Amino acid sequence: MLLTTARESEVADVAVGEVDLEEGLWRISSHRTKNKQPITLPLHPALIDDLRAVWPKHEAGGRWRLLGQIAGNGLRGYSKLKRRVDTLSGIDGWRWHDLRRTARTGLSKLGVSRDIAEACLNHISGRSGLVRVYDRHDYAEEVIAALTRWQNYVIALAAKPPSAEIVPMRRPRLA
């Protein structure tokens, strides 16, 4: 979720037929998105490696869910998974949706324009009705470029060794 900006339900139900491992793209159709708008998301090589690990060994139909237990059903039990992540990380007090919020903030930090960053999250609410009528561009190439940049940034952060010295943040004194 953090790397793709996809919604919880979109990730949970990722299917074989949506993913092109060779191109490194995940195409989510309009019937699976909240706003009924299709979106194509890039897949970092690290994500492709993770998907290959759960890819069916036998020929599977396009609707075979990669994260579920049986064909047709995606991952369920997010609350149980969340508790496990909290326990293993020692960090709680966050929600899955915070990963999308973090990605959106990170896109801004990287200098991605507001319109493209919102398109990366497949948001249309930030565009006025008039803009939606006249601007029919889907921003697919821009979304792929921005998310590729975001994914490379996050992977590079994760690859950095932890700092030997932790400097606590200090609150400025208010005069």
N, C-alpha and C. Protein backbone atom coordinates (compact mmCIF):
# COMPACT_ATOMS: atom_id res chain seq x y z
N MET A 1 0.82 -1.20 0.00
CA MET A 1 0.00 0.00 0.00
C MET A 1 0.86 1.25 0.00
N LEU A 2 1.92 1.24 0.77
CA LEU A 2 2.78 2.41 0.85
C LEU A 2 3.43 2.71 -0.50
N LEU A 3 3.88 1.69 -1.20
CA LEU A 3 4.59 1.91 -2.45
C LEU A 3 3.68 2.17 -3.64
N THR A 4 2.47 1.61 -3.63
CA THR A 4 1.59 1.76 -4.79
C THR A 4 0.52 2.83 -4.59
N THR A 5 0.23 3.23 -3.39
CA THR A 5 -0.85 4.14 -3.00
C THR A 5 -2.22 3.52 -3.20
N ALA A 6 -2.29 2.24 -3.49
CA ALA A 6 -3.58 1.57 -3.70
C ALA A 6 -4.33 1.47 -2.38
N ARG A 7 -5.64 1.39 -2.49
CA ARG A 7 -6.50 1.25 -1.32
C ARG A 7 -6.41 -0.17 -0.77
N GLU A 8 -6.78 -0.30 0.51
CA GLU A 8 -6.75 -1.59 1.20
C GLU A 8 -7.47 -2.68 0.41
N SER A 9 -8.68 -2.41 -0.05
CA SER A 9 -9.45 -3.42 -0.78
C SER A 9 -8.82 -3.75 -2.13
N GLU A 10 -8.19 -2.76 -2.76
CA GLU A 10 -7.54 -3.00 -4.05
C GLU A 10 -6.35 -3.92 -3.87
N VAL A 11 -5.57 -3.69 -2.83
CA VAL A 11 -4.42 -4.54 -2.54
C VAL A 11 -4.89 -5.94 -2.14
N ALA A 12 -5.89 -6.02 -1.30
CA ALA A 12 -6.37 -7.31 -0.81
C ALA A 12 -6.82 -8.21 -1.95
N ASP A 13 -7.39 -7.64 -2.97
CA ASP A 13 -7.95 -8.43 -4.06
C ASP A 13 -7.11 -8.42 -5.33
N VAL A 14 -5.82 -8.09 -5.23
CA VAL A 14 -4.97 -8.09 -6.41
C VAL A 14 -5.04 -9.47 -7.08
N ALA A 15 -5.23 -9.46 -8.40
CA ALA A 15 -5.45 -10.71 -9.13
C ALA A 15 -4.38 -10.90 -10.20
N VAL A 16 -4.14 -12.15 -10.56
CA VAL A 16 -3.15 -12.50 -11.58
C VAL A 16 -3.37 -11.70 -12.86
N GLY A 17 -4.61 -11.60 -13.31
CA GLY A 17 -4.92 -10.93 -14.56
C GLY A 17 -4.69 -9.43 -14.55
N GLU A 18 -4.48 -8.84 -13.38
CA GLU A 18 -4.25 -7.39 -13.28
C GLU A 18 -2.77 -7.04 -13.36
N VAL A 19 -1.93 -8.01 -13.10
CA VAL A 19 -0.50 -7.75 -12.96
C VAL A 19 0.27 -8.23 -14.19
N ASP A 20 1.11 -7.34 -14.70
CA ASP A 20 2.01 -7.70 -15.79
C ASP A 20 3.42 -7.64 -15.22
N LEU A 21 3.95 -8.81 -14.88
CA LEU A 21 5.27 -8.88 -14.25
C LEU A 21 6.38 -8.42 -15.19
N GLU A 22 6.22 -8.66 -16.48
CA GLU A 22 7.25 -8.28 -17.44
C GLU A 22 7.32 -6.76 -17.60
N GLU A 23 6.17 -6.12 -17.70
CA GLU A 23 6.12 -4.65 -17.84
C GLU A 23 6.28 -3.95 -16.50
N GLY A 24 6.02 -4.68 -15.40
CA GLY A 24 6.08 -4.07 -14.08
C GLY A 24 4.92 -3.14 -13.82
N LEU A 25 3.73 -3.55 -14.26
CA LEU A 25 2.54 -2.72 -14.10
C LEU A 25 1.39 -3.50 -13.48
N TRP A 26 0.60 -2.78 -12.70
CA TRP A 26 -0.62 -3.33 -12.08
C TRP A 26 -1.77 -2.47 -12.59
N ARG A 27 -2.67 -3.09 -13.35
CA ARG A 27 -3.81 -2.37 -13.92
C ARG A 27 -5.07 -2.76 -13.14
N ILE A 28 -5.60 -1.79 -12.42
CA ILE A 28 -6.82 -2.03 -11.63
C ILE A 28 -7.99 -1.49 -12.43
N SER A 29 -8.94 -2.35 -12.73
CA SER A 29 -10.07 -1.95 -13.57
C SER A 29 -11.06 -1.08 -12.79
N SER A 30 -11.91 -0.41 -13.53
CA SER A 30 -12.87 0.53 -12.93
C SER A 30 -13.84 -0.15 -11.97
N HIS A 31 -14.15 -1.42 -12.20
CA HIS A 31 -15.11 -2.08 -11.29
C HIS A 31 -14.48 -2.42 -9.94
N ARG A 32 -13.16 -2.25 -9.79
CA ARG A 32 -12.52 -2.53 -8.51
C ARG A 32 -12.03 -1.28 -7.78
N THR A 33 -12.25 -0.11 -8.33
CA THR A 33 -11.80 1.10 -7.66
C THR A 33 -12.97 1.83 -7.03
N LYS A 34 -12.68 2.57 -6.00
CA LYS A 34 -13.72 3.28 -5.25
C LYS A 34 -14.48 4.28 -6.11
N ASN A 35 -13.75 4.99 -6.98
CA ASN A 35 -14.39 6.02 -7.79
C ASN A 35 -14.76 5.53 -9.20
N LYS A 36 -14.62 4.25 -9.43
CA LYS A 36 -14.97 3.63 -10.73
C LYS A 36 -14.10 4.14 -11.87
N GLN A 37 -12.88 4.60 -11.54
CA GLN A 37 -11.93 5.03 -12.55
C GLN A 37 -10.76 4.04 -12.56
N PRO A 38 -10.42 3.48 -13.71
CA PRO A 38 -9.28 2.54 -13.75
C PRO A 38 -7.98 3.28 -13.46
N ILE A 39 -6.99 2.55 -13.02
CA ILE A 39 -5.68 3.14 -12.77
C ILE A 39 -4.61 2.10 -13.05
N THR A 40 -3.49 2.56 -13.56
CA THR A 40 -2.32 1.71 -13.78
C THR A 40 -1.21 2.18 -12.87
N LEU A 41 -0.69 1.26 -12.08
CA LEU A 41 0.34 1.58 -11.09
C LEU A 41 1.63 0.84 -11.43
N PRO A 42 2.77 1.51 -11.26
CA PRO A 42 4.04 0.82 -11.51
C PRO A 42 4.36 -0.11 -10.35
N LEU A 43 5.12 -1.15 -10.64
CA LEU A 43 5.55 -2.08 -9.61
C LEU A 43 7.08 -2.08 -9.56
N HIS A 44 7.61 -1.65 -8.44
CA HIS A 44 9.05 -1.65 -8.23
C HIS A 44 9.55 -3.10 -8.29
N PRO A 45 10.78 -3.33 -8.73
CA PRO A 45 11.30 -4.71 -8.76
C PRO A 45 11.16 -5.46 -7.43
N ALA A 46 11.24 -4.75 -6.31
CA ALA A 46 11.04 -5.41 -5.00
C ALA A 46 9.61 -5.92 -4.87
N LEU A 47 8.64 -5.17 -5.37
CA LEU A 47 7.25 -5.62 -5.35
C LEU A 47 7.04 -6.80 -6.29
N ILE A 48 7.69 -6.75 -7.44
CA ILE A 48 7.58 -7.86 -8.39
C ILE A 48 8.14 -9.13 -7.77
N ASP A 49 9.26 -9.03 -7.05
CA ASP A 49 9.82 -10.20 -6.35
C ASP A 49 8.83 -10.75 -5.34
N ASP A 50 8.16 -9.86 -4.59
CA ASP A 50 7.16 -10.31 -3.62
C ASP A 50 5.99 -11.00 -4.32
N LEU A 51 5.54 -10.45 -5.44
CA LEU A 51 4.43 -11.06 -6.18
C LEU A 51 4.83 -12.41 -6.76
N ARG A 52 6.04 -12.52 -7.25
CA ARG A 52 6.51 -13.81 -7.78
C ARG A 52 6.47 -14.89 -6.69
N ALA A 53 6.72 -14.48 -5.45
CA ALA A 53 6.71 -15.43 -4.33
C ALA A 53 5.33 -16.02 -4.07
N VAL A 54 4.27 -15.29 -4.43
CA VAL A 54 2.91 -15.79 -4.21
C VAL A 54 2.21 -16.14 -5.53
N TRP A 55 2.94 -16.04 -6.64
CA TRP A 55 2.36 -16.33 -7.95
C TRP A 55 2.02 -17.81 -8.03
N PRO A 56 0.86 -18.17 -8.58
CA PRO A 56 0.47 -19.58 -8.65
C PRO A 56 1.47 -20.39 -9.50
N LYS A 57 1.78 -21.58 -9.04
CA LYS A 57 2.72 -22.46 -9.74
C LYS A 57 2.09 -23.06 -10.99
N HIS A 58 0.78 -23.20 -10.97
CA HIS A 58 0.06 -23.77 -12.11
C HIS A 58 -0.63 -22.66 -12.89
N GLU A 59 -1.14 -22.99 -14.03
CA GLU A 59 -1.87 -22.01 -14.84
C GLU A 59 -3.12 -21.57 -14.07
N ALA A 60 -3.22 -20.29 -13.83
CA ALA A 60 -4.36 -19.77 -13.06
C ALA A 60 -5.12 -18.77 -13.91
N GLY A 61 -6.40 -18.72 -13.71
CA GLY A 61 -7.23 -17.75 -14.42
C GLY A 61 -6.91 -16.33 -14.00
N GLY A 62 -7.34 -15.38 -14.80
CA GLY A 62 -7.04 -13.98 -14.56
C GLY A 62 -7.59 -13.44 -13.26
N ARG A 63 -8.63 -14.08 -12.71
CA ARG A 63 -9.23 -13.58 -11.47
C ARG A 63 -8.62 -14.22 -10.22
N TRP A 64 -7.62 -15.08 -10.37
CA TRP A 64 -6.98 -15.73 -9.23
C TRP A 64 -6.36 -14.67 -8.33
N ARG A 65 -6.82 -14.60 -7.10
CA ARG A 65 -6.33 -13.60 -6.15
C ARG A 65 -4.98 -14.03 -5.60
N LEU A 66 -4.02 -13.14 -5.63
CA LEU A 66 -2.66 -13.47 -5.23
C LEU A 66 -2.47 -13.52 -3.72
N LEU A 67 -3.28 -12.78 -2.97
CA LEU A 67 -3.08 -12.72 -1.53
C LEU A 67 -4.13 -13.50 -0.74
N GLY A 68 -5.04 -14.17 -1.40
CA GLY A 68 -6.07 -14.93 -0.70
C GLY A 68 -5.69 -16.39 -0.56
N GLN A 69 -6.55 -17.11 0.11
CA GLN A 69 -6.31 -18.53 0.33
C GLN A 69 -6.82 -19.40 -0.82
N ILE A 70 -7.87 -18.96 -1.47
CA ILE A 70 -8.43 -19.73 -2.58
C ILE A 70 -8.77 -18.81 -3.74
N ALA A 71 -8.94 -19.40 -4.91
CA ALA A 71 -9.26 -18.59 -6.09
C ALA A 71 -10.56 -17.83 -5.85
N GLY A 72 -10.58 -16.58 -6.26
CA GLY A 72 -11.78 -15.76 -6.15
C GLY A 72 -11.88 -14.94 -4.89
N ASN A 73 -11.11 -15.28 -3.87
CA ASN A 73 -11.17 -14.52 -2.61
C ASN A 73 -9.81 -13.89 -2.33
N GLY A 74 -9.83 -12.61 -2.04
CA GLY A 74 -8.59 -11.92 -1.71
C GLY A 74 -8.28 -12.01 -0.22
N LEU A 75 -7.28 -11.29 0.19
CA LEU A 75 -6.85 -11.27 1.58
C LEU A 75 -7.95 -10.70 2.46
N ARG A 76 -8.24 -11.37 3.53
CA ARG A 76 -9.18 -10.89 4.53
C ARG A 76 -8.49 -10.95 5.89
N GLY A 77 -9.07 -10.34 6.87
CA GLY A 77 -8.47 -10.36 8.20
C GLY A 77 -7.42 -9.28 8.39
N TYR A 78 -7.68 -8.10 7.80
CA TYR A 78 -6.71 -7.02 7.93
C TYR A 78 -6.50 -6.61 9.38
N SER A 79 -7.51 -6.68 10.21
CA SER A 79 -7.34 -6.27 11.61
C SER A 79 -6.39 -7.23 12.33
N LYS A 80 -6.48 -8.51 12.03
CA LYS A 80 -5.57 -9.49 12.63
C LYS A 80 -4.14 -9.26 12.14
N LEU A 81 -4.01 -8.98 10.86
CA LEU A 81 -2.69 -8.68 10.29
C LEU A 81 -2.12 -7.41 10.91
N LYS A 82 -2.96 -6.42 11.09
CA LYS A 82 -2.53 -5.15 11.69
C LYS A 82 -2.01 -5.38 13.11
N ARG A 83 -2.70 -6.18 13.90
CA ARG A 83 -2.24 -6.48 15.26
C ARG A 83 -0.87 -7.16 15.23
N ARG A 84 -0.69 -8.05 14.27
CA ARG A 84 0.60 -8.75 14.15
C ARG A 84 1.72 -7.78 13.77
N VAL A 85 1.44 -6.89 12.82
CA VAL A 85 2.43 -5.89 12.42
C VAL A 85 2.76 -4.99 13.62
N ASP A 86 1.75 -4.57 14.37
CA ASP A 86 1.97 -3.74 15.56
C ASP A 86 2.89 -4.45 16.54
N THR A 87 2.62 -5.72 16.79
CA THR A 87 3.40 -6.50 17.75
C THR A 87 4.84 -6.64 17.28
N LEU A 88 5.02 -7.01 16.01
CA LEU A 88 6.36 -7.23 15.49
C LEU A 88 7.17 -5.94 15.39
N SER A 89 6.50 -4.83 15.08
CA SER A 89 7.22 -3.56 14.92
C SER A 89 7.35 -2.79 16.22
N GLY A 90 6.47 -3.08 17.17
CA GLY A 90 6.46 -2.31 18.41
C GLY A 90 5.83 -0.94 18.24
N ILE A 91 5.14 -0.74 17.13
CA ILE A 91 4.50 0.55 16.83
C ILE A 91 3.01 0.32 16.63
N ASP A 92 2.20 1.11 17.33
CA ASP A 92 0.76 1.01 17.12
C ASP A 92 0.20 2.43 17.00
N GLY A 93 -1.10 2.54 16.97
CA GLY A 93 -1.72 3.85 16.88
C GLY A 93 -1.78 4.39 15.47
N TRP A 94 -1.72 3.53 14.50
CA TRP A 94 -1.82 3.93 13.10
C TRP A 94 -2.86 3.05 12.41
N ARG A 95 -3.28 3.48 11.22
CA ARG A 95 -4.25 2.72 10.43
C ARG A 95 -3.65 2.45 9.05
N TRP A 96 -4.20 1.46 8.35
CA TRP A 96 -3.73 1.15 7.00
C TRP A 96 -3.82 2.39 6.10
N HIS A 97 -4.87 3.17 6.28
CA HIS A 97 -5.06 4.35 5.43
C HIS A 97 -3.92 5.36 5.61
N ASP A 98 -3.25 5.32 6.76
CA ASP A 98 -2.12 6.23 6.99
C ASP A 98 -0.99 5.99 5.98
N LEU A 99 -0.91 4.79 5.42
CA LEU A 99 0.11 4.52 4.42
C LEU A 99 -0.14 5.34 3.15
N ARG A 100 -1.42 5.47 2.76
CA ARG A 100 -1.77 6.32 1.61
C ARG A 100 -1.50 7.79 1.92
N ARG A 101 -1.81 8.20 3.13
CA ARG A 101 -1.56 9.58 3.53
C ARG A 101 -0.06 9.87 3.53
N THR A 102 0.73 8.92 4.00
CA THR A 102 2.18 9.08 4.00
C THR A 102 2.71 9.18 2.57
N ALA A 103 2.20 8.33 1.69
CA ALA A 103 2.63 8.37 0.30
C ALA A 103 2.26 9.72 -0.33
N ARG A 104 1.06 10.19 -0.07
CA ARG A 104 0.62 11.47 -0.64
C ARG A 104 1.51 12.61 -0.16
N THR A 105 1.83 12.60 1.13
CA THR A 105 2.72 13.62 1.69
C THR A 105 4.11 13.49 1.08
N GLY A 106 4.58 12.27 0.92
CA GLY A 106 5.89 12.04 0.33
C GLY A 106 5.97 12.50 -1.11
N LEU A 107 4.90 12.32 -1.87
CA LEU A 107 4.88 12.80 -3.25
C LEU A 107 5.06 14.31 -3.28
N SER A 108 4.40 15.01 -2.36
CA SER A 108 4.58 16.47 -2.28
C SER A 108 6.02 16.81 -1.93
N LYS A 109 6.59 16.07 -0.99
CA LYS A 109 7.97 16.32 -0.58
C LYS A 109 8.93 16.15 -1.76
N LEU A 110 8.61 15.22 -2.66
CA LEU A 110 9.45 14.98 -3.82
C LEU A 110 9.21 15.98 -4.95
N GLY A 111 8.28 16.90 -4.74
CA GLY A 111 8.03 17.93 -5.74
C GLY A 111 7.01 17.56 -6.80
N VAL A 112 6.25 16.50 -6.55
CA VAL A 112 5.20 16.11 -7.50
C VAL A 112 4.05 17.10 -7.36
N SER A 113 3.54 17.58 -8.48
CA SER A 113 2.47 18.57 -8.43
C SER A 113 1.22 17.99 -7.75
N ARG A 114 0.42 18.87 -7.20
CA ARG A 114 -0.79 18.47 -6.49
C ARG A 114 -1.71 17.62 -7.38
N ASP A 115 -1.92 18.05 -8.62
CA ASP A 115 -2.81 17.31 -9.52
C ASP A 115 -2.31 15.89 -9.78
N ILE A 116 -1.02 15.74 -10.00
CA ILE A 116 -0.46 14.42 -10.29
C ILE A 116 -0.46 13.57 -9.02
N ALA A 117 -0.12 14.17 -7.88
CA ALA A 117 -0.13 13.42 -6.62
C ALA A 117 -1.54 12.90 -6.31
N GLU A 118 -2.55 13.72 -6.56
CA GLU A 118 -3.93 13.27 -6.35
C GLU A 118 -4.30 12.17 -7.34
N ALA A 119 -3.82 12.28 -8.56
CA ALA A 119 -4.07 11.24 -9.56
C ALA A 119 -3.40 9.93 -9.16
N CYS A 120 -2.25 10.01 -8.49
CA CYS A 120 -1.56 8.81 -8.01
C CYS A 120 -2.42 8.03 -7.03
N LEU A 121 -3.25 8.73 -6.27
CA LEU A 121 -4.15 8.08 -5.33
C LEU A 121 -5.51 7.77 -5.96
N ASN A 122 -5.61 8.04 -7.25
CA ASN A 122 -6.86 7.85 -7.99
C ASN A 122 -7.99 8.68 -7.40
N HIS A 123 -7.64 9.89 -6.95
CA HIS A 123 -8.64 10.83 -6.45
C HIS A 123 -9.14 11.69 -7.61
N ILE A 124 -10.43 11.90 -7.65
CA ILE A 124 -10.99 12.84 -8.63
C ILE A 124 -11.69 13.99 -7.92
N SER A 125 -11.83 13.89 -6.61
CA SER A 125 -12.58 14.90 -5.87
C SER A 125 -11.91 16.27 -5.90
N GLY A 126 -10.61 16.33 -6.10
CA GLY A 126 -9.92 17.61 -6.13
C GLY A 126 -10.09 18.36 -7.44
N ARG A 127 -10.72 17.74 -8.41
CA ARG A 127 -10.92 18.37 -9.71
C ARG A 127 -12.37 18.83 -9.81
N SER A 128 -12.55 20.07 -10.15
CA SER A 128 -13.91 20.60 -10.27
C SER A 128 -14.63 19.91 -11.42
N GLY A 129 -15.95 19.99 -11.40
CA GLY A 129 -16.75 19.41 -12.47
C GLY A 129 -16.37 19.97 -13.83
N LEU A 130 -16.09 21.25 -13.86
CA LEU A 130 -15.72 21.90 -15.12
C LEU A 130 -14.38 21.35 -15.64
N VAL A 131 -13.42 21.19 -14.74
CA VAL A 131 -12.12 20.64 -15.15
C VAL A 131 -12.30 19.21 -15.65
N ARG A 132 -13.12 18.42 -14.97
CA ARG A 132 -13.34 17.03 -15.40
C ARG A 132 -14.01 16.97 -16.77
N VAL A 133 -14.83 17.96 -17.09
CA VAL A 133 -15.49 17.99 -18.40
C VAL A 133 -14.49 18.30 -19.51
N TYR A 134 -13.61 19.28 -19.26
CA TYR A 134 -12.72 19.75 -20.32
C TYR A 134 -11.37 19.05 -20.37
N ASP A 135 -10.87 18.60 -19.24
CA ASP A 135 -9.57 17.93 -19.22
C ASP A 135 -9.80 16.42 -19.19
N ARG A 136 -9.71 15.78 -20.33
CA ARG A 136 -9.98 14.35 -20.44
C ARG A 136 -8.71 13.50 -20.36
N HIS A 137 -7.57 14.14 -20.15
CA HIS A 137 -6.30 13.41 -20.05
C HIS A 137 -6.33 12.52 -18.82
N ASP A 138 -5.83 11.30 -18.93
CA ASP A 138 -5.88 10.37 -17.80
C ASP A 138 -4.65 10.44 -16.89
N TYR A 139 -3.61 11.16 -17.29
CA TYR A 139 -2.41 11.33 -16.49
C TYR A 139 -1.70 10.02 -16.16
N ALA A 140 -1.96 8.98 -16.94
CA ALA A 140 -1.37 7.66 -16.67
C ALA A 140 0.15 7.69 -16.69
N GLU A 141 0.74 8.31 -17.68
CA GLU A 141 2.20 8.37 -17.76
C GLU A 141 2.79 9.16 -16.60
N GLU A 142 2.13 10.25 -16.25
CA GLU A 142 2.61 11.09 -15.14
C GLU A 142 2.49 10.35 -13.81
N VAL A 143 1.42 9.59 -13.64
CA VAL A 143 1.24 8.80 -12.42
C VAL A 143 2.34 7.75 -12.31
N ILE A 144 2.61 7.06 -13.40
CA ILE A 144 3.65 6.03 -13.38
C ILE A 144 5.01 6.66 -13.06
N ALA A 145 5.31 7.79 -13.67
CA ALA A 145 6.59 8.46 -13.40
C ALA A 145 6.69 8.91 -11.94
N ALA A 146 5.63 9.50 -11.42
CA ALA A 146 5.65 10.00 -10.03
C ALA A 146 5.75 8.85 -9.04
N LEU A 147 4.98 7.79 -9.27
CA LEU A 147 5.03 6.67 -8.33
C LEU A 147 6.34 5.88 -8.44
N THR A 148 6.92 5.84 -9.61
CA THR A 148 8.24 5.20 -9.75
C THR A 148 9.26 5.98 -8.93
N ARG A 149 9.18 7.29 -9.00
CA ARG A 149 10.08 8.13 -8.20
C ARG A 149 9.85 7.90 -6.71
N TRP A 150 8.58 7.85 -6.29
CA TRP A 150 8.23 7.61 -4.88
C TRP A 150 8.75 6.24 -4.43
N GLN A 151 8.53 5.21 -5.24
CA GLN A 151 8.97 3.86 -4.88
C GLN A 151 10.48 3.80 -4.74
N ASN A 152 11.21 4.42 -5.65
CA ASN A 152 12.67 4.43 -5.55
C ASN A 152 13.13 5.15 -4.29
N TYR A 153 12.43 6.23 -3.93
CA TYR A 153 12.75 6.98 -2.72
C TYR A 153 12.56 6.11 -1.47
N VAL A 154 11.42 5.45 -1.39
CA VAL A 154 11.12 4.62 -0.21
C VAL A 154 12.08 3.43 -0.12
N ILE A 155 12.34 2.78 -1.24
CA ILE A 155 13.26 1.63 -1.23
C ILE A 155 14.65 2.08 -0.81
N ALA A 156 15.09 3.24 -1.28
CA ALA A 156 16.40 3.76 -0.88
C ALA A 156 16.43 4.06 0.63
N LEU A 157 15.33 4.61 1.16
CA LEU A 157 15.27 4.85 2.61
C LEU A 157 15.36 3.55 3.39
N ALA A 158 14.65 2.55 2.92
CA ALA A 158 14.63 1.26 3.61
C ALA A 158 16.00 0.57 3.55
N ALA A 159 16.78 0.87 2.53
CA ALA A 159 18.09 0.23 2.36
C ALA A 159 19.18 0.89 3.20
N LYS A 160 18.92 2.11 3.68
CA LYS A 160 19.92 2.81 4.48
C LYS A 160 20.08 2.12 5.82
N PRO A 161 21.33 1.95 6.27
CA PRO A 161 21.51 1.38 7.61
C PRO A 161 21.02 2.37 8.66
N PRO A 162 20.49 1.86 9.75
CA PRO A 162 20.02 2.78 10.79
C PRO A 162 21.17 3.63 11.31
N SER A 163 20.85 4.85 11.63
CA SER A 163 21.86 5.77 12.14
C SER A 163 22.36 5.29 13.50
N ALA A 164 23.66 5.38 13.68
CA ALA A 164 24.26 4.95 14.95
C ALA A 164 23.89 5.91 16.06
N GLU A 165 23.65 7.15 15.69
CA GLU A 165 23.33 8.14 16.69
C GLU A 165 21.91 8.64 16.46
N ILE A 166 21.08 8.52 17.45
CA ILE A 166 19.71 9.01 17.37
C ILE A 166 19.65 10.34 18.10
N VAL A 167 19.33 11.37 17.36
CA VAL A 167 19.25 12.70 17.93
C VAL A 167 17.78 13.02 18.18
N PRO A 168 17.39 13.19 19.44
CA PRO A 168 15.99 13.48 19.73
C PRO A 168 15.60 14.83 19.20
N MET A 169 14.36 14.92 18.71
CA MET A 169 13.85 16.20 18.25
C MET A 169 13.51 17.05 19.47
N ARG A 170 13.82 18.32 19.39
CA ARG A 170 13.52 19.22 20.50
C ARG A 170 12.44 20.18 20.07
N ARG A 171 11.56 20.43 20.98
CA ARG A 171 10.50 21.41 20.71
C ARG A 171 11.08 22.80 20.86
N PRO A 172 10.78 23.67 19.93
CA PRO A 172 11.28 25.04 20.08
C PRO A 172 10.61 25.72 21.26
N ARG A 173 11.36 26.57 21.91
CA ARG A 173 10.81 27.32 23.03
C ARG A 173 9.95 28.44 22.48
N LEU A 174 8.77 28.54 23.01
CA LEU A 174 7.88 29.62 22.60
C LEU A 174 8.11 30.81 23.50
N ALA A 175 8.33 31.94 22.89
CA ALA A 175 8.60 33.15 23.66
C ALA A 175 7.34 33.75 24.19
